[in-house]
Amino acid sequence: MSATDAHRDFVERLDRHRGILQKVSSAYCRDAASREDLRQEIVVQLWRSYRRFDERGRFSTWMYRIALNTAISCARGRNRQDARVALAEPAILESMPAPTGEPQDERIERIYKLVNGLDELNRALMLLYLDDYSHAEIAAILGISSSNVATKIGRIKERIRRDVVAGLAR
């Protein structure tokens, strides 16, 4: 494949899966400028790694792996500089519209606020889980075992369940 063909193929695939860029950048950056910086850094890392993409796998899975690793690395770098990295609830809610097209209800907003409190790895895990990736796919993307994925998801879901129930009791 020529360099021009590779570039065209990359841009087409990136365009088809641009929602991943939005979700990941929204999950790891609060303000618009930081989200745009992260999106650009992710695209650079994707392009640098593109020649190593294995066509036998799904592009979206590979893209998530690169995007999340880049976001986590950037977040850790900012954390070392005492910057707070948190989920931007309005941005993530905009990027994940309700399946029916109706506005998000209060419970969904509460769940995303709870996801906001998770560390980088668990936030990445929940983004993949909410995007319907299997435990095996999540494990491959994050570099952890499937049983670890199942355990972490179970614990996070239980924590969210407790917090939602507590919120309903108020």
N, C-alpha and C. Protein backbone atom coordinates (compact mmCIF):
# COMPACT_ATOMS: atom_id res chain seq x y z
N MET A 1 0.85 -1.17 0.00
CA MET A 1 0.00 0.00 0.00
C MET A 1 0.90 1.23 0.00
N SER A 2 0.61 2.18 -0.88
CA SER A 2 1.41 3.39 -0.97
C SER A 2 1.12 4.29 0.25
N ALA A 3 1.98 5.24 0.49
CA ALA A 3 1.81 6.17 1.61
C ALA A 3 0.51 6.95 1.46
N THR A 4 0.18 7.33 0.23
CA THR A 4 -1.06 8.07 -0.02
C THR A 4 -2.27 7.20 0.27
N ASP A 5 -2.23 5.95 -0.16
CA ASP A 5 -3.34 5.03 0.10
C ASP A 5 -3.48 4.76 1.60
N ALA A 6 -2.34 4.59 2.27
CA ALA A 6 -2.37 4.36 3.72
C ALA A 6 -2.97 5.56 4.43
N HIS A 7 -2.59 6.75 4.02
CA HIS A 7 -3.12 7.96 4.64
C HIS A 7 -4.63 8.07 4.42
N ARG A 8 -5.07 7.82 3.18
CA ARG A 8 -6.50 7.88 2.86
C ARG A 8 -7.28 6.84 3.67
N ASP A 9 -6.75 5.62 3.74
CA ASP A 9 -7.39 4.55 4.51
C ASP A 9 -7.49 4.92 5.99
N PHE A 10 -6.40 5.47 6.52
CA PHE A 10 -6.37 5.89 7.92
C PHE A 10 -7.43 6.95 8.19
N VAL A 11 -7.49 7.97 7.34
CA VAL A 11 -8.44 9.07 7.53
C VAL A 11 -9.88 8.55 7.45
N GLU A 12 -10.16 7.66 6.52
CA GLU A 12 -11.51 7.10 6.39
C GLU A 12 -11.90 6.31 7.64
N ARG A 13 -10.99 5.48 8.13
CA ARG A 13 -11.27 4.69 9.32
C ARG A 13 -11.44 5.60 10.54
N LEU A 14 -10.57 6.58 10.64
CA LEU A 14 -10.64 7.52 11.76
C LEU A 14 -11.98 8.25 11.74
N ASP A 15 -12.43 8.65 10.56
CA ASP A 15 -13.70 9.35 10.45
C ASP A 15 -14.87 8.45 10.86
N ARG A 16 -14.82 7.17 10.47
CA ARG A 16 -15.89 6.24 10.84
C ARG A 16 -15.99 6.03 12.35
N HIS A 17 -14.86 6.19 13.04
CA HIS A 17 -14.82 5.91 14.48
C HIS A 17 -14.49 7.16 15.30
N ARG A 18 -14.85 8.33 14.78
CA ARG A 18 -14.52 9.58 15.47
C ARG A 18 -15.20 9.69 16.83
N GLY A 19 -16.28 8.97 17.04
CA GLY A 19 -16.96 8.98 18.33
C GLY A 19 -16.05 8.50 19.46
N ILE A 20 -15.13 7.61 19.14
CA ILE A 20 -14.19 7.12 20.15
C ILE A 20 -13.32 8.28 20.64
N LEU A 21 -12.86 9.12 19.71
CA LEU A 21 -12.06 10.28 20.10
C LEU A 21 -12.85 11.19 21.04
N GLN A 22 -14.12 11.42 20.71
CA GLN A 22 -14.97 12.28 21.53
C GLN A 22 -15.17 11.69 22.92
N LYS A 23 -15.49 10.42 22.98
CA LYS A 23 -15.74 9.78 24.28
C LYS A 23 -14.51 9.79 25.17
N VAL A 24 -13.38 9.40 24.60
CA VAL A 24 -12.16 9.32 25.41
C VAL A 24 -11.72 10.71 25.85
N SER A 25 -11.70 11.66 24.95
CA SER A 25 -11.25 13.01 25.33
C SER A 25 -12.22 13.63 26.34
N SER A 26 -13.49 13.38 26.20
CA SER A 26 -14.48 13.92 27.16
C SER A 26 -14.35 13.27 28.52
N ALA A 27 -13.94 12.01 28.54
CA ALA A 27 -13.82 11.30 29.80
C ALA A 27 -12.58 11.72 30.59
N TYR A 28 -11.58 12.26 29.90
CA TYR A 28 -10.32 12.57 30.57
C TYR A 28 -10.00 14.05 30.64
N CYS A 29 -10.80 14.91 30.03
CA CYS A 29 -10.50 16.35 30.04
C CYS A 29 -11.76 17.15 30.35
N ARG A 30 -11.59 18.15 31.16
CA ARG A 30 -12.69 18.99 31.58
C ARG A 30 -13.07 20.05 30.57
N ASP A 31 -12.09 20.77 30.04
CA ASP A 31 -12.40 21.91 29.19
C ASP A 31 -12.16 21.60 27.72
N ALA A 32 -12.76 22.41 26.86
CA ALA A 32 -12.71 22.18 25.42
C ALA A 32 -11.29 22.20 24.86
N ALA A 33 -10.47 23.12 25.33
CA ALA A 33 -9.10 23.21 24.82
C ALA A 33 -8.30 21.95 25.16
N SER A 34 -8.45 21.45 26.38
CA SER A 34 -7.75 20.22 26.78
C SER A 34 -8.26 19.02 25.99
N ARG A 35 -9.57 18.96 25.76
CA ARG A 35 -10.13 17.87 24.97
C ARG A 35 -9.56 17.88 23.56
N GLU A 36 -9.45 19.07 22.96
CA GLU A 36 -8.91 19.18 21.61
C GLU A 36 -7.43 18.79 21.60
N ASP A 37 -6.67 19.22 22.58
CA ASP A 37 -5.25 18.83 22.67
C ASP A 37 -5.12 17.32 22.77
N LEU A 38 -5.96 16.71 23.61
CA LEU A 38 -5.89 15.25 23.77
C LEU A 38 -6.29 14.55 22.47
N ARG A 39 -7.35 15.02 21.82
CA ARG A 39 -7.77 14.42 20.54
C ARG A 39 -6.62 14.47 19.53
N GLN A 40 -5.94 15.61 19.46
CA GLN A 40 -4.82 15.73 18.52
C GLN A 40 -3.69 14.78 18.89
N GLU A 41 -3.39 14.66 20.17
CA GLU A 41 -2.33 13.75 20.61
C GLU A 41 -2.71 12.30 20.28
N ILE A 42 -3.98 11.95 20.47
CA ILE A 42 -4.44 10.60 20.16
C ILE A 42 -4.28 10.33 18.66
N VAL A 43 -4.68 11.28 17.82
CA VAL A 43 -4.57 11.10 16.37
C VAL A 43 -3.10 10.92 15.97
N VAL A 44 -2.22 11.70 16.56
CA VAL A 44 -0.78 11.56 16.27
C VAL A 44 -0.31 10.16 16.64
N GLN A 45 -0.69 9.69 17.83
CA GLN A 45 -0.27 8.36 18.27
C GLN A 45 -0.89 7.26 17.39
N LEU A 46 -2.13 7.45 16.97
CA LEU A 46 -2.76 6.48 16.07
C LEU A 46 -2.00 6.41 14.75
N TRP A 47 -1.67 7.57 14.18
CA TRP A 47 -0.97 7.58 12.91
C TRP A 47 0.42 6.95 13.04
N ARG A 48 1.12 7.26 14.13
CA ARG A 48 2.45 6.67 14.35
C ARG A 48 2.38 5.15 14.44
N SER A 49 1.29 4.64 14.97
CA SER A 49 1.14 3.20 15.19
C SER A 49 0.41 2.50 14.05
N TYR A 50 -0.11 3.25 13.10
CA TYR A 50 -1.00 2.67 12.08
C TYR A 50 -0.34 1.56 11.27
N ARG A 51 0.92 1.69 10.94
CA ARG A 51 1.56 0.64 10.13
C ARG A 51 1.65 -0.68 10.88
N ARG A 52 1.49 -0.64 12.22
CA ARG A 52 1.51 -1.89 13.01
C ARG A 52 0.11 -2.43 13.28
N PHE A 53 -0.92 -1.75 12.77
CA PHE A 53 -2.29 -2.23 12.94
C PHE A 53 -2.45 -3.57 12.24
N ASP A 54 -2.98 -4.55 12.97
CA ASP A 54 -3.19 -5.90 12.44
C ASP A 54 -4.61 -5.98 11.87
N GLU A 55 -4.69 -6.11 10.56
CA GLU A 55 -5.99 -6.14 9.86
C GLU A 55 -6.91 -7.26 10.33
N ARG A 56 -6.38 -8.25 11.03
CA ARG A 56 -7.23 -9.35 11.51
C ARG A 56 -8.12 -8.90 12.67
N GLY A 57 -7.73 -7.82 13.33
CA GLY A 57 -8.52 -7.30 14.45
C GLY A 57 -9.42 -6.16 14.01
N ARG A 58 -10.28 -5.74 14.91
CA ARG A 58 -11.17 -4.61 14.63
C ARG A 58 -10.42 -3.30 14.81
N PHE A 59 -10.61 -2.38 13.88
CA PHE A 59 -9.96 -1.08 13.97
C PHE A 59 -10.40 -0.35 15.23
N SER A 60 -11.69 -0.44 15.56
CA SER A 60 -12.20 0.28 16.74
C SER A 60 -11.56 -0.22 18.03
N THR A 61 -11.31 -1.50 18.13
CA THR A 61 -10.65 -2.06 19.32
C THR A 61 -9.22 -1.54 19.41
N TRP A 62 -8.50 -1.58 18.31
CA TRP A 62 -7.13 -1.07 18.27
C TRP A 62 -7.12 0.42 18.60
N MET A 63 -8.07 1.15 18.03
CA MET A 63 -8.15 2.60 18.25
C MET A 63 -8.41 2.92 19.71
N TYR A 64 -9.33 2.18 20.33
CA TYR A 64 -9.59 2.38 21.76
C TYR A 64 -8.32 2.15 22.57
N ARG A 65 -7.59 1.10 22.26
CA ARG A 65 -6.37 0.78 23.00
C ARG A 65 -5.39 1.95 22.95
N ILE A 66 -5.14 2.47 21.76
CA ILE A 66 -4.21 3.59 21.59
C ILE A 66 -4.76 4.84 22.27
N ALA A 67 -6.04 5.13 22.06
CA ALA A 67 -6.65 6.34 22.62
C ALA A 67 -6.63 6.32 24.15
N LEU A 68 -7.00 5.20 24.74
CA LEU A 68 -7.03 5.13 26.20
C LEU A 68 -5.63 5.17 26.80
N ASN A 69 -4.68 4.48 26.17
CA ASN A 69 -3.31 4.53 26.67
C ASN A 69 -2.76 5.95 26.60
N THR A 70 -3.05 6.66 25.53
CA THR A 70 -2.61 8.04 25.38
C THR A 70 -3.28 8.93 26.43
N ALA A 71 -4.58 8.76 26.61
CA ALA A 71 -5.32 9.58 27.58
C ALA A 71 -4.82 9.33 29.01
N ILE A 72 -4.61 8.07 29.34
CA ILE A 72 -4.14 7.73 30.68
C ILE A 72 -2.74 8.30 30.91
N SER A 73 -1.88 8.19 29.91
CA SER A 73 -0.53 8.75 30.03
C SER A 73 -0.58 10.27 30.21
N CYS A 74 -1.41 10.92 29.43
CA CYS A 74 -1.55 12.38 29.56
C CYS A 74 -2.14 12.75 30.92
N ALA A 75 -3.13 12.00 31.37
CA ALA A 75 -3.75 12.28 32.67
C ALA A 75 -2.75 12.11 33.80
N ARG A 76 -1.96 11.06 33.73
CA ARG A 76 -0.95 10.84 34.77
C ARG A 76 0.08 11.95 34.77
N GLY A 77 0.44 12.42 33.59
CA GLY A 77 1.38 13.53 33.48
C GLY A 77 0.82 14.79 34.12
N ARG A 78 -0.45 15.05 33.87
CA ARG A 78 -1.09 16.22 34.48
C ARG A 78 -1.24 16.04 35.98
N ASN A 79 -1.54 14.81 36.41
CA ASN A 79 -1.67 14.56 37.85
C ASN A 79 -0.37 14.81 38.58
N ARG A 80 0.75 14.48 37.94
CA ARG A 80 2.05 14.74 38.56
C ARG A 80 2.26 16.24 38.74
N GLN A 81 1.60 17.03 37.93
CA GLN A 81 1.71 18.48 38.03
C GLN A 81 0.58 19.04 38.89
N ASP A 82 -0.07 18.17 39.67
CA ASP A 82 -1.15 18.54 40.58
C ASP A 82 -2.38 19.10 39.88
N ALA A 83 -2.62 18.70 38.64
CA ALA A 83 -3.83 19.12 37.94
C ALA A 83 -4.89 18.06 38.16
N ARG A 84 -6.14 18.47 38.28
CA ARG A 84 -7.24 17.53 38.47
C ARG A 84 -7.80 17.15 37.12
N VAL A 85 -7.88 15.85 36.86
CA VAL A 85 -8.47 15.33 35.63
C VAL A 85 -9.77 14.66 36.04
N ALA A 86 -10.87 15.09 35.44
CA ALA A 86 -12.16 14.53 35.81
C ALA A 86 -13.05 14.41 34.57
N LEU A 87 -14.04 13.59 34.69
CA LEU A 87 -15.01 13.41 33.62
C LEU A 87 -15.82 14.69 33.48
N ALA A 88 -15.95 15.17 32.28
CA ALA A 88 -16.75 16.36 32.02
C ALA A 88 -18.16 15.90 31.74
N GLU A 89 -19.01 15.90 32.76
CA GLU A 89 -20.34 15.31 32.63
C GLU A 89 -21.14 15.84 31.43
N PRO A 90 -21.24 17.15 31.24
CA PRO A 90 -22.04 17.61 30.10
C PRO A 90 -21.49 17.12 28.77
N ALA A 91 -20.17 17.11 28.61
CA ALA A 91 -19.59 16.68 27.33
C ALA A 91 -19.83 15.20 27.08
N ILE A 92 -19.66 14.37 28.10
CA ILE A 92 -19.85 12.94 27.91
C ILE A 92 -21.33 12.64 27.67
N LEU A 93 -22.21 13.39 28.31
CA LEU A 93 -23.64 13.17 28.09
C LEU A 93 -24.03 13.56 26.67
N GLU A 94 -23.41 14.64 26.14
CA GLU A 94 -23.70 15.05 24.77
C GLU A 94 -23.22 14.01 23.78
N SER A 95 -22.07 13.38 24.07
CA SER A 95 -21.52 12.42 23.13
C SER A 95 -22.20 11.06 23.20
N MET A 96 -23.01 10.84 24.22
CA MET A 96 -23.72 9.57 24.36
C MET A 96 -25.22 9.84 24.49
N PRO A 97 -25.87 10.20 23.38
CA PRO A 97 -27.29 10.50 23.47
C PRO A 97 -28.10 9.26 23.84
N ALA A 98 -29.27 9.49 24.41
CA ALA A 98 -30.16 8.39 24.75
C ALA A 98 -30.56 7.66 23.47
N PRO A 99 -30.69 6.32 23.52
CA PRO A 99 -31.03 5.57 22.32
C PRO A 99 -32.33 6.03 21.67
N THR A 100 -33.27 6.52 22.45
CA THR A 100 -34.55 6.94 21.90
C THR A 100 -34.50 8.35 21.35
N GLY A 101 -33.39 9.06 21.57
CA GLY A 101 -33.29 10.43 21.12
C GLY A 101 -33.87 11.40 22.14
N GLU A 102 -34.43 10.88 23.22
CA GLU A 102 -34.98 11.74 24.26
C GLU A 102 -33.85 12.21 25.17
N PRO A 103 -34.05 13.30 25.92
CA PRO A 103 -33.01 13.80 26.82
C PRO A 103 -32.67 12.76 27.89
N GLN A 104 -31.41 12.81 28.35
CA GLN A 104 -30.97 11.90 29.41
C GLN A 104 -31.80 12.18 30.67
N ASP A 105 -32.17 11.14 31.37
CA ASP A 105 -32.90 11.36 32.60
C ASP A 105 -31.94 11.51 33.77
N GLU A 106 -32.47 11.85 34.90
CA GLU A 106 -31.68 12.14 36.09
C GLU A 106 -30.82 10.96 36.53
N ARG A 107 -31.33 9.74 36.42
CA ARG A 107 -30.56 8.57 36.84
C ARG A 107 -29.30 8.40 35.99
N ILE A 108 -29.42 8.59 34.69
CA ILE A 108 -28.26 8.46 33.80
C ILE A 108 -27.23 9.52 34.15
N GLU A 109 -27.66 10.73 34.38
CA GLU A 109 -26.74 11.80 34.76
C GLU A 109 -26.01 11.44 36.05
N ARG A 110 -26.73 10.86 37.01
CA ARG A 110 -26.11 10.45 38.27
C ARG A 110 -25.06 9.37 38.05
N ILE A 111 -25.36 8.44 37.17
CA ILE A 111 -24.40 7.37 36.88
C ILE A 111 -23.12 7.96 36.30
N TYR A 112 -23.24 8.90 35.36
CA TYR A 112 -22.04 9.51 34.79
C TYR A 112 -21.29 10.34 35.82
N LYS A 113 -21.98 10.94 36.75
CA LYS A 113 -21.30 11.66 37.82
C LYS A 113 -20.52 10.68 38.70
N LEU A 114 -21.07 9.50 38.91
CA LEU A 114 -20.36 8.49 39.69
C LEU A 114 -19.13 7.98 38.93
N VAL A 115 -19.26 7.82 37.63
CA VAL A 115 -18.11 7.40 36.82
C VAL A 115 -17.01 8.46 36.92
N ASN A 116 -17.41 9.71 37.09
CA ASN A 116 -16.47 10.82 37.24
C ASN A 116 -15.48 10.57 38.37
N GLY A 117 -15.91 9.90 39.42
CA GLY A 117 -15.07 9.67 40.58
C GLY A 117 -14.10 8.51 40.44
N LEU A 118 -14.14 7.81 39.32
CA LEU A 118 -13.27 6.65 39.13
C LEU A 118 -11.87 7.07 38.70
N ASP A 119 -10.88 6.22 39.02
CA ASP A 119 -9.52 6.48 38.56
C ASP A 119 -9.44 6.22 37.06
N GLU A 120 -8.29 6.55 36.47
CA GLU A 120 -8.13 6.48 35.01
C GLU A 120 -8.45 5.10 34.44
N LEU A 121 -7.92 4.04 35.05
CA LEU A 121 -8.12 2.70 34.53
C LEU A 121 -9.59 2.29 34.60
N ASN A 122 -10.22 2.53 35.74
CA ASN A 122 -11.63 2.14 35.89
C ASN A 122 -12.54 2.99 35.01
N ARG A 123 -12.18 4.24 34.79
CA ARG A 123 -12.95 5.10 33.88
C ARG A 123 -12.87 4.53 32.46
N ALA A 124 -11.65 4.12 32.05
CA ALA A 124 -11.47 3.52 30.73
C ALA A 124 -12.29 2.23 30.63
N LEU A 125 -12.23 1.42 31.66
CA LEU A 125 -12.97 0.17 31.69
C LEU A 125 -14.47 0.42 31.51
N MET A 126 -15.00 1.42 32.21
CA MET A 126 -16.43 1.70 32.11
C MET A 126 -16.80 2.28 30.75
N LEU A 127 -15.93 3.08 30.14
CA LEU A 127 -16.21 3.58 28.79
C LEU A 127 -16.37 2.41 27.82
N LEU A 128 -15.48 1.45 27.92
CA LEU A 128 -15.55 0.28 27.05
C LEU A 128 -16.78 -0.57 27.36
N TYR A 129 -17.06 -0.74 28.64
CA TYR A 129 -18.23 -1.52 29.06
C TYR A 129 -19.52 -0.87 28.54
N LEU A 130 -19.62 0.45 28.70
CA LEU A 130 -20.81 1.17 28.24
C LEU A 130 -20.92 1.17 26.72
N ASP A 131 -19.81 0.91 26.04
CA ASP A 131 -19.80 0.82 24.58
C ASP A 131 -19.99 -0.63 24.12
N ASP A 132 -20.39 -1.51 25.04
CA ASP A 132 -20.74 -2.90 24.75
C ASP A 132 -19.58 -3.78 24.28
N TYR A 133 -18.38 -3.48 24.74
CA TYR A 133 -17.26 -4.38 24.46
C TYR A 133 -17.35 -5.57 25.41
N SER A 134 -16.94 -6.74 24.93
CA SER A 134 -16.95 -7.94 25.78
C SER A 134 -15.82 -7.85 26.79
N HIS A 135 -15.90 -8.69 27.82
CA HIS A 135 -14.83 -8.72 28.84
C HIS A 135 -13.49 -9.05 28.19
N ALA A 136 -13.51 -9.97 27.24
CA ALA A 136 -12.26 -10.36 26.56
C ALA A 136 -11.69 -9.19 25.76
N GLU A 137 -12.55 -8.44 25.08
CA GLU A 137 -12.08 -7.29 24.31
C GLU A 137 -11.54 -6.20 25.23
N ILE A 138 -12.23 -5.94 26.33
CA ILE A 138 -11.78 -4.94 27.30
C ILE A 138 -10.42 -5.35 27.87
N ALA A 139 -10.29 -6.62 28.18
CA ALA A 139 -9.03 -7.13 28.73
C ALA A 139 -7.90 -6.92 27.73
N ALA A 140 -8.15 -7.21 26.47
CA ALA A 140 -7.11 -7.04 25.44
C ALA A 140 -6.74 -5.58 25.27
N ILE A 141 -7.71 -4.70 25.31
CA ILE A 141 -7.45 -3.27 25.14
C ILE A 141 -6.66 -2.71 26.31
N LEU A 142 -7.06 -3.09 27.53
CA LEU A 142 -6.45 -2.51 28.73
C LEU A 142 -5.24 -3.30 29.24
N GLY A 143 -5.01 -4.48 28.69
CA GLY A 143 -3.86 -5.27 29.11
C GLY A 143 -4.01 -5.89 30.49
N ILE A 144 -5.24 -6.28 30.83
CA ILE A 144 -5.52 -6.98 32.08
C ILE A 144 -6.28 -8.25 31.75
N SER A 145 -6.44 -9.13 32.72
CA SER A 145 -7.13 -10.39 32.44
C SER A 145 -8.65 -10.20 32.38
N SER A 146 -9.32 -11.12 31.70
CA SER A 146 -10.79 -11.07 31.61
C SER A 146 -11.43 -11.20 32.98
N SER A 147 -10.86 -12.04 33.84
CA SER A 147 -11.43 -12.18 35.18
C SER A 147 -11.26 -10.89 35.98
N ASN A 148 -10.15 -10.19 35.77
CA ASN A 148 -9.95 -8.90 36.43
C ASN A 148 -10.98 -7.89 35.93
N VAL A 149 -11.26 -7.92 34.63
CA VAL A 149 -12.29 -7.04 34.05
C VAL A 149 -13.63 -7.32 34.71
N ALA A 150 -14.00 -8.59 34.79
CA ALA A 150 -15.30 -8.97 35.37
C ALA A 150 -15.38 -8.53 36.83
N THR A 151 -14.32 -8.74 37.56
CA THR A 151 -14.30 -8.34 38.98
C THR A 151 -14.45 -6.84 39.12
N LYS A 152 -13.67 -6.09 38.35
CA LYS A 152 -13.71 -4.63 38.43
C LYS A 152 -15.08 -4.09 38.03
N ILE A 153 -15.65 -4.62 36.96
CA ILE A 153 -16.98 -4.17 36.52
C ILE A 153 -18.01 -4.47 37.60
N GLY A 154 -17.94 -5.66 38.17
CA GLY A 154 -18.87 -6.03 39.23
C GLY A 154 -18.78 -5.08 40.42
N ARG A 155 -17.57 -4.74 40.83
CA ARG A 155 -17.38 -3.83 41.95
C ARG A 155 -17.87 -2.42 41.63
N ILE A 156 -17.58 -1.96 40.42
CA ILE A 156 -18.02 -0.63 40.02
C ILE A 156 -19.54 -0.57 39.94
N LYS A 157 -20.15 -1.60 39.35
CA LYS A 157 -21.61 -1.63 39.25
C LYS A 157 -22.25 -1.65 40.64
N GLU A 158 -21.68 -2.41 41.56
CA GLU A 158 -22.21 -2.45 42.92
C GLU A 158 -22.09 -1.08 43.58
N ARG A 159 -20.96 -0.43 43.38
CA ARG A 159 -20.76 0.91 43.96
C ARG A 159 -21.78 1.89 43.37
N ILE A 160 -21.96 1.84 42.04
CA ILE A 160 -22.94 2.72 41.40
C ILE A 160 -24.34 2.42 41.89
N ARG A 161 -24.67 1.12 41.99
CA ARG A 161 -25.99 0.71 42.48
C ARG A 161 -26.25 1.28 43.87
N ARG A 162 -25.26 1.13 44.77
CA ARG A 162 -25.41 1.66 46.14
C ARG A 162 -25.60 3.18 46.13
N ASP A 163 -24.79 3.86 45.33
CA ASP A 163 -24.87 5.32 45.27
C ASP A 163 -26.18 5.80 44.66
N VAL A 164 -26.68 5.09 43.64
CA VAL A 164 -27.95 5.47 43.02
C VAL A 164 -29.10 5.25 44.01
N VAL A 165 -29.08 4.11 44.70
CA VAL A 165 -30.12 3.83 45.69
C VAL A 165 -30.07 4.88 46.81
N ALA A 166 -28.87 5.22 47.26
CA ALA A 166 -28.73 6.25 48.30
C ALA A 166 -29.26 7.58 47.80
N GLY A 167 -29.01 7.89 46.52
CA GLY A 167 -29.51 9.14 45.94
C GLY A 167 -31.02 9.16 45.83
N LEU A 168 -31.64 8.02 45.56
CA LEU A 168 -33.09 7.93 45.47
C LEU A 168 -33.74 8.08 46.84
N ALA A 169 -33.02 7.68 47.89
CA ALA A 169 -33.56 7.75 49.24
C ALA A 169 -33.56 9.18 49.77
N ARG A 170 -32.79 10.05 49.12
CA ARG A 170 -32.70 11.45 49.60
C ARG A 170 -33.94 12.20 49.32
